[in-house]
Amino acid sequence: MYVILLHDGRRADPWGLYVGQTSRDPDWRFDQHKSGYKASGAARRFGIRLLPDFVDHLNPLKRWEALEVEAGLAEEFRLAGVPWVEGGH
């Protein structure tokens, strides 16, 4: 699991989060997003940095667990009032 801090200055509330899961190192996956390889558009264009404190306690997860946790974590961020959450689908 990993969470990326997003910032889009064109939005009224420019800060957001991207929630994803990978079997690779999250730093490596973040670099992939930024380079455009298998990238989320939001993570590629607006990704600032990883927020490991949000998910380090969850890792590692089995693939089937990660899919459920990814969706659940994104929903928890939305319910907590984060105005812009990507991923977790």
C-alpha atoms as a PDB file:
ATOM      1  CA  MET A   1       0.000   0.000   0.000  1.00  0.00           C
ATOM      2  CA  TYR A   2       1.077   3.538  -0.626  1.00  0.00           C
ATOM      3  CA  VAL A   3      -0.430   7.008  -0.438  1.00  0.00           C
ATOM      4  CA  ILE A   4       0.712   9.947  -2.570  1.00  0.00           C
ATOM      5  CA  LEU A   5       0.121  13.566  -1.628  1.00  0.00           C
ATOM      6  CA  LEU A   6      -1.450  15.436  -4.557  1.00  0.00           C
ATOM      7  CA  HIS A   7      -1.534  19.157  -5.253  1.00  0.00           C
ATOM      8  CA  ASP A   8      -3.457  20.844  -8.074  1.00  0.00           C
ATOM      9  CA  GLY A   9      -3.387  24.637  -7.744  1.00  0.00           C
ATOM     10  CA  ARG A  10      -6.329  25.002 -10.141  1.00  0.00           C
ATOM     11  CA  ARG A  11      -8.737  23.459  -7.627  1.00  0.00           C
ATOM     12  CA  ALA A  12     -10.542  25.439  -4.927  1.00  0.00           C
ATOM     13  CA  ASP A  13      -9.133  22.964  -2.399  1.00  0.00           C
ATOM     14  CA  PRO A  14      -5.869  21.928  -4.075  1.00  0.00           C
ATOM     15  CA  TRP A  15      -4.682  19.143  -1.753  1.00  0.00           C
ATOM     16  CA  GLY A  16      -5.633  15.512  -2.217  1.00  0.00           C
ATOM     17  CA  LEU A  17      -4.474  11.922  -1.875  1.00  0.00           C
ATOM     18  CA  TYR A  18      -3.881   9.030  -4.236  1.00  0.00           C
ATOM     19  CA  VAL A  19      -4.229   5.537  -2.727  1.00  0.00           C
ATOM     20  CA  GLY A  20      -2.579   2.620  -4.478  1.00  0.00           C
ATOM     21  CA  GLN A  21      -1.206  -0.858  -3.951  1.00  0.00           C
ATOM     22  CA  THR A  22       1.850  -2.518  -5.422  1.00  0.00           C
ATOM     23  CA  SER A  23       3.995  -5.586  -4.938  1.00  0.00           C
ATOM     24  CA  ARG A  24       7.038  -3.372  -5.514  1.00  0.00           C
ATOM     25  CA  ASP A  25       8.748  -0.808  -3.342  1.00  0.00           C
ATOM     26  CA  PRO A  26       6.432   2.229  -3.040  1.00  0.00           C
ATOM     27  CA  ASP A  27       9.291   4.631  -3.904  1.00  0.00           C
ATOM     28  CA  TRP A  28       9.887   2.725  -7.133  1.00  0.00           C
ATOM     29  CA  ARG A  29       6.153   2.769  -7.930  1.00  0.00           C
ATOM     30  CA  PHE A  30       5.981   6.526  -7.241  1.00  0.00           C
ATOM     31  CA  ASP A  31       8.853   7.053  -9.700  1.00  0.00           C
ATOM     32  CA  GLN A  32       6.904   5.022 -12.275  1.00  0.00           C
ATOM     33  CA  HIS A  33       3.868   7.268 -11.828  1.00  0.00           C
ATOM     34  CA  LYS A  34       5.987  10.396 -12.246  1.00  0.00           C
ATOM     35  CA  SER A  35       7.683   9.049 -15.388  1.00  0.00           C
ATOM     36  CA  GLY A  36       4.328   8.092 -16.926  1.00  0.00           C
ATOM     37  CA  TYR A  37       4.831   4.303 -16.873  1.00  0.00           C
ATOM     38  CA  LYS A  38       1.551   2.583 -15.903  1.00  0.00           C
ATOM     39  CA  ALA A  39       0.701   5.882 -14.299  1.00  0.00           C
ATOM     40  CA  SER A  40      -2.393   7.323 -12.761  1.00  0.00           C
ATOM     41  CA  GLY A  41      -2.943  10.671 -14.470  1.00  0.00           C
ATOM     42  CA  ALA A  42      -3.469  12.385 -11.138  1.00  0.00           C
ATOM     43  CA  ALA A  43      -0.363  10.829  -9.574  1.00  0.00           C
ATOM     44  CA  ARG A  44       1.742  11.677 -12.632  1.00  0.00           C
ATOM     45  CA  ARG A  45       0.627  15.296 -12.936  1.00  0.00           C
ATOM     46  CA  PHE A  46      -0.045  16.254  -9.335  1.00  0.00           C
ATOM     47  CA  GLY A  47       1.951  13.818  -7.173  1.00  0.00           C
ATOM     48  CA  ILE A  48       4.190  15.602  -4.681  1.00  0.00           C
ATOM     49  CA  ARG A  49       5.525  12.825  -2.454  1.00  0.00           C
ATOM     50  CA  LEU A  50       4.698   9.588  -0.701  1.00  0.00           C
ATOM     51  CA  LEU A  51       3.067   9.629   2.731  1.00  0.00           C
ATOM     52  CA  PRO A  52       4.419   6.384   4.215  1.00  0.00           C
ATOM     53  CA  ASP A  53       3.206   7.119   7.759  1.00  0.00           C
ATOM     54  CA  PHE A  54      -0.370   6.546   6.573  1.00  0.00           C
ATOM     55  CA  VAL A  55       0.239   2.959   5.455  1.00  0.00           C
ATOM     56  CA  ASP A  56       3.546   1.557   6.751  1.00  0.00           C
ATOM     57  CA  HIS A  57       1.712  -0.252   9.540  1.00  0.00           C
ATOM     58  CA  LEU A  58      -0.387  -2.078   6.909  1.00  0.00           C
ATOM     59  CA  ASN A  59       2.472  -3.479   4.826  1.00  0.00           C
ATOM     60  CA  PRO A  60       3.082  -6.115   3.647  1.00  0.00           C
ATOM     61  CA  LEU A  61      -0.288  -7.418   2.499  1.00  0.00           C
ATOM     62  CA  LYS A  62      -1.289 -10.314   0.301  1.00  0.00           C
ATOM     63  CA  ARG A  63      -2.697  -9.270  -3.086  1.00  0.00           C
ATOM     64  CA  TRP A  64      -6.345 -10.020  -2.203  1.00  0.00           C
ATOM     65  CA  GLU A  65      -5.955  -8.126   1.084  1.00  0.00           C
ATOM     66  CA  ALA A  66      -4.370  -5.144  -0.654  1.00  0.00           C
ATOM     67  CA  LEU A  67      -7.288  -4.776  -3.060  1.00  0.00           C
ATOM     68  CA  GLU A  68      -9.764  -4.607  -0.186  1.00  0.00           C
ATOM     69  CA  VAL A  69      -7.600  -2.346   1.965  1.00  0.00           C
ATOM     70  CA  GLU A  70      -6.923   0.024  -0.959  1.00  0.00           C
ATOM     71  CA  ALA A  71     -10.635   0.595  -1.530  1.00  0.00           C
ATOM     72  CA  GLY A  72     -11.396   0.819   2.179  1.00  0.00           C
ATOM     73  CA  LEU A  73      -8.595   3.280   2.874  1.00  0.00           C
ATOM     74  CA  ALA A  74      -9.680   5.556   0.025  1.00  0.00           C
ATOM     75  CA  GLU A  75     -13.231   5.502   1.363  1.00  0.00           C
ATOM     76  CA  GLU A  76     -12.011   6.303   4.901  1.00  0.00           C
ATOM     77  CA  PHE A  77     -10.121   9.333   3.573  1.00  0.00           C
ATOM     78  CA  ARG A  78     -13.267  10.493   1.775  1.00  0.00           C
ATOM     79  CA  LEU A  79     -15.372  10.029   4.907  1.00  0.00           C
ATOM     80  CA  ALA A  80     -12.755  11.917   6.938  1.00  0.00           C
ATOM     81  CA  GLY A  81     -13.299  14.909   4.665  1.00  0.00           C
ATOM     82  CA  VAL A  82     -10.337  14.748   2.307  1.00  0.00           C
ATOM     83  CA  PRO A  83     -11.807  16.726  -0.595  1.00  0.00           C
ATOM     84  CA  TRP A  84      -9.968  14.933  -3.401  1.00  0.00           C
ATOM     85  CA  VAL A  85      -9.124  11.215  -3.268  1.00  0.00           C
ATOM     86  CA  GLU A  86      -7.932   9.206  -6.289  1.00  0.00           C
ATOM     87  CA  GLY A  87      -7.403   5.468  -6.523  1.00  0.00           C
ATOM     88  CA  GLY A  88      -8.918   2.810  -4.375  1.00  0.00           C
ATOM     89  CA  HIS A  89     -11.158   1.558  -7.175  1.00  0.00           C
END
